[in-house]
Amino acid sequence: MKFGASQLLTAEYATQFGNGTQGSYFRKVEESIMKEATKRSFFRWIHIIFGIPMIGYIYDSPSDTQYYAPIVRYFFLPVLLLSGLWMWKGHVLRRLLSKKSANKTTGMKTGQELEA
């Protein structure tokens, strides 16, 4: 049995993007916007760059620290903490978010939701 060009493209599309529905296509495109290695590298560099002012805050003389202490405390430190937490436990948060979005789209409930 020979396949035409349009049938091959349709079969390739179906294998790449699931059953060919619009929802599975957008999910695949959303997942492939940025690779996981690129995301890790991005957060790693944010963490490194935003950690540099902390070095000055810790090792600088106390008389000079008062000028930039608020920006370090209220901007650099929260970004540093959030990027570190994301690199450490981001996989847990992503899994929780994906389960919630999957439950919303399919209308299915988890076992804990059924018990309540």
PDB file of N, CA and C in Angstrom:
ATOM      1  N   MET A   1       0.842  -1.166   0.000  1.00  0.00           N
ATOM      2  CA  MET A   1       0.000   0.000   0.000  1.00  0.00           C
ATOM      3  C   MET A   1       0.892   1.236   0.000  1.00  0.00           C
ATOM      4  N   LYS A   2       0.663   2.139  -0.934  1.00  0.00           N
ATOM      5  CA  LYS A   2       1.459   3.356  -1.041  1.00  0.00           C
ATOM      6  C   LYS A   2       0.682   4.515  -0.444  1.00  0.00           C
ATOM      7  N   PHE A   3       1.427   5.409   0.170  1.00  0.00           N
ATOM      8  CA  PHE A   3       0.819   6.593   0.761  1.00  0.00           C
ATOM      9  C   PHE A   3       1.170   7.812  -0.069  1.00  0.00           C
ATOM     10  N   GLY A   4       0.216   8.713  -0.164  1.00  0.00           N
ATOM     11  CA  GLY A   4       0.483   9.976  -0.828  1.00  0.00           C
ATOM     12  C   GLY A   4       1.177  10.936   0.127  1.00  0.00           C
ATOM     13  N   ALA A   5       1.627  12.064  -0.396  1.00  0.00           N
ATOM     14  CA  ALA A   5       2.363  13.043   0.416  1.00  0.00           C
ATOM     15  C   ALA A   5       1.488  13.598   1.540  1.00  0.00           C
ATOM     16  N   SER A   6       0.232  13.886   1.246  1.00  0.00           N
ATOM     17  CA  SER A   6      -0.640  14.456   2.284  1.00  0.00           C
ATOM     18  C   SER A   6      -0.922  13.431   3.380  1.00  0.00           C
ATOM     19  N   GLN A   7      -1.050  12.146   3.007  1.00  0.00           N
ATOM     20  CA  GLN A   7      -1.292  11.121   4.013  1.00  0.00           C
ATOM     21  C   GLN A   7      -0.066  10.921   4.900  1.00  0.00           C
ATOM     22  N   LEU A   8       1.136  11.012   4.323  1.00  0.00           N
ATOM     23  CA  LEU A   8       2.349  10.884   5.113  1.00  0.00           C
ATOM     24  C   LEU A   8       2.482  12.052   6.075  1.00  0.00           C
ATOM     25  N   LEU A   9       2.184  13.272   5.597  1.00  0.00           N
ATOM     26  CA  LEU A   9       2.254  14.440   6.471  1.00  0.00           C
ATOM     27  C   LEU A   9       1.242  14.340   7.600  1.00  0.00           C
ATOM     28  N   THR A  10       0.054  13.857   7.291  1.00  0.00           N
ATOM     29  CA  THR A  10      -0.970  13.705   8.319  1.00  0.00           C
ATOM     30  C   THR A  10      -0.539  12.651   9.338  1.00  0.00           C
ATOM     31  N   ALA A  11       0.034  11.559   8.877  1.00  0.00           N
ATOM     32  CA  ALA A  11       0.497  10.518   9.797  1.00  0.00           C
ATOM     33  C   ALA A  11       1.653  11.023  10.648  1.00  0.00           C
ATOM     34  N   GLU A  12       2.557  11.767  10.038  1.00  0.00           N
ATOM     35  CA  GLU A  12       3.679  12.326  10.790  1.00  0.00           C
ATOM     36  C   GLU A  12       3.177  13.339  11.825  1.00  0.00           C
ATOM     37  N   TYR A  13       2.227  14.153  11.425  1.00  0.00           N
ATOM     38  CA  TYR A  13       1.632  15.137  12.336  1.00  0.00           C
ATOM     39  C   TYR A  13       0.968  14.432  13.508  1.00  0.00           C
ATOM     40  N   ALA A  14       0.255  13.349  13.229  1.00  0.00           N
ATOM     41  CA  ALA A  14      -0.445  12.624  14.291  1.00  0.00           C
ATOM     42  C   ALA A  14       0.541  11.979  15.256  1.00  0.00           C
ATOM     43  N   THR A  15       1.662  11.463  14.748  1.00  0.00           N
ATOM     44  CA  THR A  15       2.630  10.857  15.655  1.00  0.00           C
ATOM     45  C   THR A  15       3.373  11.907  16.456  1.00  0.00           C
ATOM     46  N   GLN A  16       3.600  13.078  15.873  1.00  0.00           N
ATOM     47  CA  GLN A  16       4.299  14.139  16.600  1.00  0.00           C
ATOM     48  C   GLN A  16       3.419  14.791  17.643  1.00  0.00           C
ATOM     49  N   PHE A  17       2.185  15.074  17.305  1.00  0.00           N
ATOM     50  CA  PHE A  17       1.327  15.891  18.159  1.00  0.00           C
ATOM     51  C   PHE A  17       0.139  15.119  18.721  1.00  0.00           C
ATOM     52  N   GLY A  18       0.294  13.850  18.931  1.00  0.00           N
ATOM     53  CA  GLY A  18      -0.795  13.069  19.521  1.00  0.00           C
ATOM     54  C   GLY A  18      -1.805  12.678  18.468  1.00  0.00           C
ATOM     55  N   ASN A  19      -3.088  12.812  18.786  1.00  0.00           N
ATOM     56  CA  ASN A  19      -4.125  12.364  17.861  1.00  0.00           C
ATOM     57  C   ASN A  19      -4.510  13.453  16.861  1.00  0.00           C
ATOM     58  N   GLY A  20      -3.802  14.562  16.862  1.00  0.00           N
ATOM     59  CA  GLY A  20      -4.083  15.595  15.867  1.00  0.00           C
ATOM     60  C   GLY A  20      -5.083  16.623  16.327  1.00  0.00           C
ATOM     61  N   THR A  21      -5.556  16.545  17.563  1.00  0.00           N
ATOM     62  CA  THR A  21      -6.505  17.547  18.035  1.00  0.00           C
ATOM     63  C   THR A  21      -5.768  18.833  18.344  1.00  0.00           C
ATOM     64  N   GLN A  22      -6.509  19.910  18.379  1.00  0.00           N
ATOM     65  CA  GLN A  22      -5.900  21.213  18.576  1.00  0.00           C
ATOM     66  C   GLN A  22      -5.293  21.322  19.969  1.00  0.00           C
ATOM     67  N   GLY A  23      -5.913  20.758  20.978  1.00  0.00           N
ATOM     68  CA  GLY A  23      -5.400  20.818  22.338  1.00  0.00           C
ATOM     69  C   GLY A  23      -4.042  20.156  22.474  1.00  0.00           C
ATOM     70  N   SER A  24      -3.871  18.984  21.848  1.00  0.00           N
ATOM     71  CA  SER A  24      -2.587  18.307  21.945  1.00  0.00           C
ATOM     72  C   SER A  24      -1.516  19.053  21.161  1.00  0.00           C
ATOM     73  N   TYR A  25      -1.891  19.723  20.079  1.00  0.00           N
ATOM     74  CA  TYR A  25      -0.933  20.508  19.313  1.00  0.00           C
ATOM     75  C   TYR A  25      -0.406  21.661  20.158  1.00  0.00           C
ATOM     76  N   PHE A  26      -1.298  22.401  20.808  1.00  0.00           N
ATOM     77  CA  PHE A  26      -0.853  23.540  21.594  1.00  0.00           C
ATOM     78  C   PHE A  26      -0.057  23.094  22.815  1.00  0.00           C
ATOM     79  N   ARG A  27      -0.400  21.966  23.403  1.00  0.00           N
ATOM     80  CA  ARG A  27       0.361  21.449  24.529  1.00  0.00           C
ATOM     81  C   ARG A  27       1.778  21.128  24.082  1.00  0.00           C
ATOM     82  N   LYS A  28       1.923  20.519  22.902  1.00  0.00           N
ATOM     83  CA  LYS A  28       3.241  20.165  22.395  1.00  0.00           C
ATOM     84  C   LYS A  28       4.050  21.411  22.089  1.00  0.00           C
ATOM     85  N   VAL A  29       3.418  22.417  21.492  1.00  0.00           N
ATOM     86  CA  VAL A  29       4.117  23.653  21.175  1.00  0.00           C
ATOM     87  C   VAL A  29       4.523  24.360  22.458  1.00  0.00           C
ATOM     88  N   GLU A  30       3.650  24.351  23.456  1.00  0.00           N
ATOM     89  CA  GLU A  30       3.944  24.998  24.725  1.00  0.00           C
ATOM     90  C   GLU A  30       5.121  24.315  25.417  1.00  0.00           C
ATOM     91  N   GLU A  31       5.202  23.019  25.325  1.00  0.00           N
ATOM     92  CA  GLU A  31       6.293  22.295  25.960  1.00  0.00           C
ATOM     93  C   GLU A  31       7.607  22.509  25.236  1.00  0.00           C
ATOM     94  N   SER A  32       7.582  22.756  23.949  1.00  0.00           N
ATOM     95  CA  SER A  32       8.811  22.831  23.179  1.00  0.00           C
ATOM     96  C   SER A  32       9.326  24.251  22.986  1.00  0.00           C
ATOM     97  N   ILE A  33       8.763  25.226  23.676  1.00  0.00           N
ATOM     98  CA  ILE A  33       9.232  26.599  23.520  1.00  0.00           C
ATOM     99  C   ILE A  33      10.666  26.724  24.020  1.00  0.00           C
ATOM    100  N   MET A  34      10.959  26.152  25.182  1.00  0.00           N
ATOM    101  CA  MET A  34      12.292  26.230  25.748  1.00  0.00           C
ATOM    102  C   MET A  34      12.660  24.872  26.330  1.00  0.00           C
ATOM    103  N   LYS A  35      13.851  24.407  26.014  1.00  0.00           N
ATOM    104  CA  LYS A  35      14.299  23.120  26.527  1.00  0.00           C
ATOM    105  C   LYS A  35      14.577  23.235  28.024  1.00  0.00           C
ATOM    106  N   GLU A  36      14.507  22.094  28.709  1.00  0.00           N
ATOM    107  CA  GLU A  36      14.745  22.077  30.156  1.00  0.00           C
ATOM    108  C   GLU A  36      16.165  22.516  30.496  1.00  0.00           C
ATOM    109  N   ALA A  37      17.129  22.144  29.680  1.00  0.00           N
ATOM    110  CA  ALA A  37      18.516  22.551  29.940  1.00  0.00           C
ATOM    111  C   ALA A  37      18.669  24.066  29.832  1.00  0.00           C
ATOM    112  N   THR A  38      17.954  24.678  28.893  1.00  0.00           N
ATOM    113  CA  THR A  38      18.003  26.127  28.744  1.00  0.00           C
ATOM    114  C   THR A  38      17.364  26.812  29.940  1.00  0.00           C
ATOM    115  N   LYS A  39      16.269  26.270  30.428  1.00  0.00           N
ATOM    116  CA  LYS A  39      15.621  26.836  31.618  1.00  0.00           C
ATOM    117  C   LYS A  39      16.543  26.758  32.824  1.00  0.00           C
ATOM    118  N   ARG A  40      17.187  25.602  33.012  1.00  0.00           N
ATOM    119  CA  ARG A  40      18.101  25.449  34.145  1.00  0.00           C
ATOM    120  C   ARG A  40      19.256  26.428  34.047  1.00  0.00           C
ATOM    121  N   SER A  41      19.802  26.574  32.859  1.00  0.00           N
ATOM    122  CA  SER A  41      20.906  27.509  32.665  1.00  0.00           C
ATOM    123  C   SER A  41      20.473  28.940  32.936  1.00  0.00           C
ATOM    124  N   PHE A  42      19.276  29.307  32.504  1.00  0.00           N
ATOM    125  CA  PHE A  42      18.737  30.646  32.722  1.00  0.00           C
ATOM    126  C   PHE A  42      18.603  30.932  34.221  1.00  0.00           C
ATOM    127  N   PHE A  43      17.991  30.023  34.960  1.00  0.00           N
ATOM    128  CA  PHE A  43      17.828  30.229  36.402  1.00  0.00           C
ATOM    129  C   PHE A  43      19.167  30.197  37.133  1.00  0.00           C
ATOM    130  N   ARG A  44      20.092  29.378  36.652  1.00  0.00           N
ATOM    131  CA  ARG A  44      21.409  29.316  37.274  1.00  0.00           C
ATOM    132  C   ARG A  44      22.132  30.651  37.134  1.00  0.00           C
ATOM    133  N   TRP A  45      22.080  31.265  35.940  1.00  0.00           N
ATOM    134  CA  TRP A  45      22.744  32.549  35.731  1.00  0.00           C
ATOM    135  C   TRP A  45      22.049  33.675  36.491  1.00  0.00           C
ATOM    136  N   ILE A  46      20.735  33.634  36.583  1.00  0.00           N
ATOM    137  CA  ILE A  46      20.031  34.634  37.408  1.00  0.00           C
ATOM    138  C   ILE A  46      20.489  34.500  38.855  1.00  0.00           C
ATOM    139  N   HIS A  47      20.598  33.285  39.335  1.00  0.00           N
ATOM    140  CA  HIS A  47      21.008  33.037  40.710  1.00  0.00           C
ATOM    141  C   HIS A  47      22.436  33.543  40.949  1.00  0.00           C
ATOM    142  N   ILE A  48      23.323  33.298  40.021  1.00  0.00           N
ATOM    143  CA  ILE A  48      24.715  33.735  40.162  1.00  0.00           C
ATOM    144  C   ILE A  48      24.812  35.259  40.123  1.00  0.00           C
ATOM    145  N   ILE A  49      24.158  35.882  39.152  1.00  0.00           N
ATOM    146  CA  ILE A  49      24.254  37.343  38.980  1.00  0.00           C
ATOM    147  C   ILE A  49      23.619  38.079  40.160  1.00  0.00           C
ATOM    148  N   PHE A  50      22.470  37.601  40.623  1.00  0.00           N
ATOM    149  CA  PHE A  50      21.811  38.267  41.741  1.00  0.00           C
ATOM    150  C   PHE A  50      22.473  37.930  43.075  1.00  0.00           C
ATOM    151  N   GLY A  51      23.388  36.973  43.096  1.00  0.00           N
ATOM    152  CA  GLY A  51      24.145  36.666  44.301  1.00  0.00           C
ATOM    153  C   GLY A  51      25.364  37.550  44.478  1.00  0.00           C
ATOM    154  N   ILE A  52      25.822  38.189  43.406  1.00  0.00           N
ATOM    155  CA  ILE A  52      27.008  39.052  43.482  1.00  0.00           C
ATOM    156  C   ILE A  52      26.800  40.222  44.442  1.00  0.00           C
ATOM    157  N   PRO A  53      25.672  40.951  44.406  1.00  0.00           N
ATOM    158  CA  PRO A  53      25.495  42.032  45.389  1.00  0.00           C
ATOM    159  C   PRO A  53      25.463  41.549  46.838  1.00  0.00           C
ATOM    160  N   MET A  54      25.079  40.302  47.053  1.00  0.00           N
ATOM    161  CA  MET A  54      25.091  39.757  48.410  1.00  0.00           C
ATOM    162  C   MET A  54      26.516  39.671  48.950  1.00  0.00           C
ATOM    163  N   ILE A  55      27.470  39.392  48.087  1.00  0.00           N
ATOM    164  CA  ILE A  55      28.869  39.332  48.507  1.00  0.00           C
ATOM    165  C   ILE A  55      29.307  40.710  49.012  1.00  0.00           C
ATOM    166  N   GLY A  56      28.954  41.762  48.249  1.00  0.00           N
ATOM    167  CA  GLY A  56      29.271  43.119  48.693  1.00  0.00           C
ATOM    168  C   GLY A  56      28.560  43.484  49.979  1.00  0.00           C
ATOM    169  N   TYR A  57      27.340  43.032  50.116  1.00  0.00           N
ATOM    170  CA  TYR A  57      26.554  43.322  51.316  1.00  0.00           C
ATOM    171  C   TYR A  57      27.185  42.657  52.547  1.00  0.00           C
ATOM    172  N   ILE A  58      27.698  41.470  52.379  1.00  0.00           N
ATOM    173  CA  ILE A  58      28.278  40.736  53.510  1.00  0.00           C
ATOM    174  C   ILE A  58      29.692  41.220  53.828  1.00  0.00           C
ATOM    175  N   TYR A  59      30.524  41.427  52.799  1.00  0.00           N
ATOM    176  CA  TYR A  59      31.943  41.692  53.035  1.00  0.00           C
ATOM    177  C   TYR A  59      32.316  43.173  52.980  1.00  0.00           C
ATOM    178  N   ASP A  60      31.418  44.055  52.649  1.00  0.00           N
ATOM    179  CA  ASP A  60      31.730  45.477  52.604  1.00  0.00           C
ATOM    180  C   ASP A  60      31.710  46.056  54.019  1.00  0.00           C
ATOM    181  N   SER A  61      32.310  47.221  54.160  1.00  0.00           N
ATOM    182  CA  SER A  61      32.328  47.851  55.487  1.00  0.00           C
ATOM    183  C   SER A  61      30.917  48.273  55.878  1.00  0.00           C
ATOM    184  N   PRO A  62      30.594  48.223  57.153  1.00  0.00           N
ATOM    185  CA  PRO A  62      29.239  48.573  57.602  1.00  0.00           C
ATOM    186  C   PRO A  62      28.836  50.013  57.294  1.00  0.00           C
ATOM    187  N   SER A  63      29.800  50.915  57.200  1.00  0.00           N
ATOM    188  CA  SER A  63      29.462  52.309  56.893  1.00  0.00           C
ATOM    189  C   SER A  63      28.979  52.467  55.457  1.00  0.00           C
ATOM    190  N   ASP A  64      29.463  51.640  54.538  1.00  0.00           N
ATOM    191  CA  ASP A  64      29.035  51.716  53.137  1.00  0.00           C
ATOM    192  C   ASP A  64      27.785  50.878  52.870  1.00  0.00           C
ATOM    193  N   THR A  65      27.537  49.895  53.699  1.00  0.00           N
ATOM    194  CA  THR A  65      26.431  48.975  53.487  1.00  0.00           C
ATOM    195  C   THR A  65      25.073  49.659  53.592  1.00  0.00           C
ATOM    196  N   GLN A  66      24.974  50.699  54.411  1.00  0.00           N
ATOM    197  CA  GLN A  66      23.685  51.354  54.644  1.00  0.00           C
ATOM    198  C   GLN A  66      23.096  51.973  53.375  1.00  0.00           C
ATOM    199  N   TYR A  67      23.925  52.282  52.386  1.00  0.00           N
ATOM    200  CA  TYR A  67      23.423  52.937  51.175  1.00  0.00           C
ATOM    201  C   TYR A  67      22.675  51.979  50.255  1.00  0.00           C
ATOM    202  N   TYR A  68      23.112  50.756  50.201  1.00  0.00           N
ATOM    203  CA  TYR A  68      22.446  49.810  49.296  1.00  0.00           C
ATOM    204  C   TYR A  68      21.789  48.636  50.023  1.00  0.00           C
ATOM    205  N   ALA A  69      21.684  48.713  51.330  1.00  0.00           N
ATOM    206  CA  ALA A  69      21.058  47.631  52.105  1.00  0.00           C
ATOM    207  C   ALA A  69      19.599  47.400  51.722  1.00  0.00           C
ATOM    208  N   PRO A  70      18.752  48.428  51.565  1.00  0.00           N
ATOM    209  CA  PRO A  70      17.342  48.148  51.230  1.00  0.00           C
ATOM    210  C   PRO A  70      17.156  47.431  49.895  1.00  0.00           C
ATOM    211  N   ILE A  71      17.926  47.827  48.883  1.00  0.00           N
ATOM    212  CA  ILE A  71      17.746  47.167  47.576  1.00  0.00           C
ATOM    213  C   ILE A  71      18.224  45.722  47.635  1.00  0.00           C
ATOM    214  N   VAL A  72      19.263  45.450  48.427  1.00  0.00           N
ATOM    215  CA  VAL A  72      19.721  44.069  48.565  1.00  0.00           C
ATOM    216  C   VAL A  72      18.689  43.249  49.336  1.00  0.00           C
ATOM    217  N   ARG A  73      18.146  43.817  50.401  1.00  0.00           N
ATOM    218  CA  ARG A  73      17.185  43.086  51.237  1.00  0.00           C
ATOM    219  C   ARG A  73      15.859  42.838  50.528  1.00  0.00           C
ATOM    220  N   TYR A  74      15.375  43.838  49.805  1.00  0.00           N
ATOM    221  CA  TYR A  74      14.016  43.750  49.257  1.00  0.00           C
ATOM    222  C   TYR A  74      13.948  43.407  47.776  1.00  0.00           C
ATOM    223  N   PHE A  75      15.083  43.363  47.093  1.00  0.00           N
ATOM    224  CA  PHE A  75      15.055  42.998  45.676  1.00  0.00           C
ATOM    225  C   PHE A  75      15.972  41.802  45.392  1.00  0.00           C
ATOM    226  N   PHE A  76      17.266  41.943  45.671  1.00  0.00           N
ATOM    227  CA  PHE A  76      18.208  40.888  45.309  1.00  0.00           C
ATOM    228  C   PHE A  76      18.006  39.611  46.122  1.00  0.00           C
ATOM    229  N   LEU A  77      17.783  39.739  47.417  1.00  0.00           N
ATOM    230  CA  LEU A  77      17.603  38.552  48.253  1.00  0.00           C
ATOM    231  C   LEU A  77      16.348  37.751  47.881  1.00  0.00           C
ATOM    232  N   PRO A  78      15.176  38.385  47.686  1.00  0.00           N
ATOM    233  CA  PRO A  78      14.014  37.574  47.256  1.00  0.00           C
ATOM    234  C   PRO A  78      14.207  36.890  45.902  1.00  0.00           C
ATOM    235  N   VAL A  79      14.830  37.592  44.946  1.00  0.00           N
ATOM    236  CA  VAL A  79      15.079  36.960  43.642  1.00  0.00           C
ATOM    237  C   VAL A  79      16.045  35.797  43.806  1.00  0.00           C
ATOM    238  N   LEU A  80      17.054  35.989  44.630  1.00  0.00           N
ATOM    239  CA  LEU A  80      18.022  34.927  44.880  1.00  0.00           C
ATOM    240  C   LEU A  80      17.356  33.724  45.537  1.00  0.00           C
ATOM    241  N   LEU A  81      16.512  33.963  46.527  1.00  0.00           N
ATOM    242  CA  LEU A  81      15.813  32.866  47.199  1.00  0.00           C
ATOM    243  C   LEU A  81      14.840  32.142  46.268  1.00  0.00           C
ATOM    244  N   LEU A  82      14.070  32.916  45.495  1.00  0.00           N
ATOM    245  CA  LEU A  82      13.095  32.282  44.593  1.00  0.00           C
ATOM    246  C   LEU A  82      13.770  31.479  43.491  1.00  0.00           C
ATOM    247  N   SER A  83      14.860  32.009  42.929  1.00  0.00           N
ATOM    248  CA  SER A  83      15.547  31.254  41.875  1.00  0.00           C
ATOM    249  C   SER A  83      16.189  29.994  42.451  1.00  0.00           C
ATOM    250  N   GLY A  84      16.726  30.089  43.674  1.00  0.00           N
ATOM    251  CA  GLY A  84      17.305  28.905  44.305  1.00  0.00           C
ATOM    252  C   GLY A  84      16.257  27.856  44.623  1.00  0.00           C
ATOM    253  N   LEU A  85      15.118  28.297  45.141  1.00  0.00           N
ATOM    254  CA  LEU A  85      14.034  27.349  45.416  1.00  0.00           C
ATOM    255  C   LEU A  85      13.499  26.723  44.137  1.00  0.00           C
ATOM    256  N   TRP A  86      13.417  27.518  43.076  1.00  0.00           N
ATOM    257  CA  TRP A  86      12.923  26.989  41.804  1.00  0.00           C
ATOM    258  C   TRP A  86      13.879  25.932  41.251  1.00  0.00           C
ATOM    259  N   MET A  87      15.192  26.197  41.381  1.00  0.00           N
ATOM    260  CA  MET A  87      16.150  25.202  40.897  1.00  0.00           C
ATOM    261  C   MET A  87      16.131  23.946  41.767  1.00  0.00           C
ATOM    262  N   TRP A  88      15.856  24.116  43.063  1.00  0.00           N
ATOM    263  CA  TRP A  88      15.885  22.985  43.978  1.00  0.00           C
ATOM    264  C   TRP A  88      14.595  22.182  43.925  1.00  0.00           C
ATOM    265  N   LYS A  89      13.446  22.838  44.022  1.00  0.00           N
ATOM    266  CA  LYS A  89      12.157  22.142  44.103  1.00  0.00           C
ATOM    267  C   LYS A  89      11.188  22.546  42.998  1.00  0.00           C
ATOM    268  N   GLY A  90      11.676  23.075  41.903  1.00  0.00           N
ATOM    269  CA  GLY A  90      10.802  23.481  40.811  1.00  0.00           C
ATOM    270  C   GLY A  90      10.080  22.318  40.167  1.00  0.00           C
ATOM    271  N   HIS A  91      10.707  21.150  40.157  1.00  0.00           N
ATOM    272  CA  HIS A  91      10.063  19.986  39.552  1.00  0.00           C
ATOM    273  C   HIS A  91       8.787  19.601  40.296  1.00  0.00           C
ATOM    274  N   VAL A  92       8.771  19.812  41.615  1.00  0.00           N
ATOM    275  CA  VAL A  92       7.578  19.491  42.400  1.00  0.00           C
ATOM    276  C   VAL A  92       6.451  20.466  42.053  1.00  0.00           C
ATOM    277  N   LEU A  93       6.787  21.751  41.975  1.00  0.00           N
ATOM    278  CA  LEU A  93       5.786  22.759  41.640  1.00  0.00           C
ATOM    279  C   LEU A  93       5.243  22.558  40.227  1.00  0.00           C
ATOM    280  N   ARG A  94       6.124  22.251  39.284  1.00  0.00           N
ATOM    281  CA  ARG A  94       5.661  22.008  37.907  1.00  0.00           C
ATOM    282  C   ARG A  94       4.736  20.799  37.846  1.00  0.00           C
ATOM    283  N   ARG A  95       5.055  19.749  38.625  1.00  0.00           N
ATOM    284  CA  ARG A  95       4.201  18.563  38.640  1.00  0.00           C
ATOM    285  C   ARG A  95       2.829  18.885  39.234  1.00  0.00           C
ATOM    286  N   LEU A  96       2.803  19.672  40.309  1.00  0.00           N
ATOM    287  CA  LEU A  96       1.534  20.059  40.908  1.00  0.00           C
ATOM    288  C   LEU A  96       0.706  20.908  39.956  1.00  0.00           C
ATOM    289  N   LEU A  97       1.371  21.849  39.267  1.00  0.00           N
ATOM    290  CA  LEU A  97       0.652  22.702  38.314  1.00  0.00           C
ATOM    291  C   LEU A  97       0.130  21.897  37.134  1.00  0.00           C
ATOM    292  N   SER A  98       0.914  20.925  36.674  1.00  0.00           N
ATOM    293  CA  SER A  98       0.452  20.139  35.525  1.00  0.00           C
ATOM    294  C   SER A  98      -0.719  19.244  35.919  1.00  0.00           C
ATOM    295  N   LYS A  99      -0.739  18.733  37.153  1.00  0.00           N
ATOM    296  CA  LYS A  99      -1.875  17.928  37.600  1.00  0.00           C
ATOM    297  C   LYS A  99      -3.129  18.773  37.719  1.00  0.00           C
ATOM    298  N   LYS A 100      -2.982  20.003  38.226  1.00  0.00           N
ATOM    299  CA  LYS A 100      -4.142  20.877  38.361  1.00  0.00           C
ATOM    300  C   LYS A 100      -4.692  21.259  36.997  1.00  0.00           C
ATOM    301  N   SER A 101      -3.802  21.590  36.046  1.00  0.00           N
ATOM    302  CA  SER A 101      -4.282  21.965  34.720  1.00  0.00           C
ATOM    303  C   SER A 101      -4.877  20.758  34.000  1.00  0.00           C
ATOM    304  N   ALA A 102      -4.322  19.566  34.227  1.00  0.00           N
ATOM    305  CA  ALA A 102      -4.882  18.366  33.606  1.00  0.00           C
ATOM    306  C   ALA A 102      -6.257  18.065  34.181  1.00  0.00           C
ATOM    307  N   ASN A 103      -6.427  18.261  35.481  1.00  0.00           N
ATOM    308  CA  ASN A 103      -7.730  18.022  36.104  1.00  0.00           C
ATOM    309  C   ASN A 103      -8.761  19.028  35.602  1.00  0.00           C
ATOM    310  N   LYS A 104      -8.348  20.258  35.365  1.00  0.00           N
ATOM    311  CA  LYS A 104      -9.291  21.264  34.872  1.00  0.00           C
ATOM    312  C   LYS A 104      -9.718  20.973  33.443  1.00  0.00           C
ATOM    313  N   THR A 105      -8.776  20.542  32.607  1.00  0.00           N
ATOM    314  CA  THR A 105      -9.114  20.301  31.206  1.00  0.00           C
ATOM    315  C   THR A 105      -9.909  19.026  31.017  1.00  0.00           C
ATOM    316  N   THR A 106      -9.606  17.985  31.816  1.00  0.00           N
ATOM    317  CA  THR A 106     -10.323  16.722  31.635  1.00  0.00           C
ATOM    318  C   THR A 106     -11.547  16.615  32.517  1.00  0.00           C
ATOM    319  N   GLY A 107     -11.601  17.424  33.564  1.00  0.00           N
ATOM    320  CA  GLY A 107     -12.731  17.358  34.476  1.00  0.00           C
ATOM    321  C   GLY A 107     -12.637  16.197  35.444  1.00  0.00           C
ATOM    322  N   MET A 108     -11.496  15.514  35.481  1.00  0.00           N
ATOM    323  CA  MET A 108     -11.319  14.375  36.371  1.00  0.00           C
ATOM    324  C   MET A 108     -10.868  14.871  37.737  1.00  0.00           C
ATOM    325  N   LYS A 109     -11.212  14.134  38.761  1.00  0.00           N
ATOM    326  CA  LYS A 109     -10.817  14.477  40.110  1.00  0.00           C
ATOM    327  C   LYS A 109      -9.827  13.441  40.624  1.00  0.00           C
ATOM    328  N   THR A 110      -8.942  13.910  41.501  1.00  0.00           N
ATOM    329  CA  THR A 110      -7.989  12.991  42.102  1.00  0.00           C
ATOM    330  C   THR A 110      -8.673  12.203  43.204  1.00  0.00           C
ATOM    331  N   GLY A 111      -7.974  11.220  43.755  1.00  0.00           N
ATOM    332  CA  GLY A 111      -8.545  10.401  44.816  1.00  0.00           C
ATOM    333  C   GLY A 111      -8.859  11.214  46.064  1.00  0.00           C
ATOM    334  N   GLN A 112      -8.006  12.187  46.381  1.00  0.00           N
ATOM    335  CA  GLN A 112      -8.242  13.027  47.557  1.00  0.00           C
ATOM    336  C   GLN A 112      -9.470  13.895  47.363  1.00  0.00           C
ATOM    337  N   GLU A 113      -9.692  14.386  46.166  1.00  0.00           N
ATOM    338  CA  GLU A 113     -10.853  15.224  45.904  1.00  0.00           C
ATOM    339  C   GLU A 113     -12.144  14.408  45.959  1.00  0.00           C
ATOM    340  N   LEU A 114     -12.056  13.125  45.588  1.00  0.00           N
ATOM    341  CA  LEU A 114     -13.236  12.269  45.608  1.00  0.00           C
ATOM    342  C   LEU A 114     -13.635  11.923  47.043  1.00  0.00           C
ATOM    343  N   GLU A 115     -12.626  11.787  47.931  1.00  0.00           N
ATOM    344  CA  GLU A 115     -12.907  11.444  49.320  1.00  0.00           C
ATOM    345  C   GLU A 115     -13.586  12.600  50.048  1.00  0.00           C
ATOM    346  N   ALA A 116     -13.247  13.824  49.685  1.00  0.00           N
ATOM    347  CA  ALA A 116     -13.768  14.993  50.413  1.00  0.00           C
ATOM    348  C   ALA A 116     -15.210  15.297  50.081  1.00  0.00           C
TER     349      ALA A 116
END
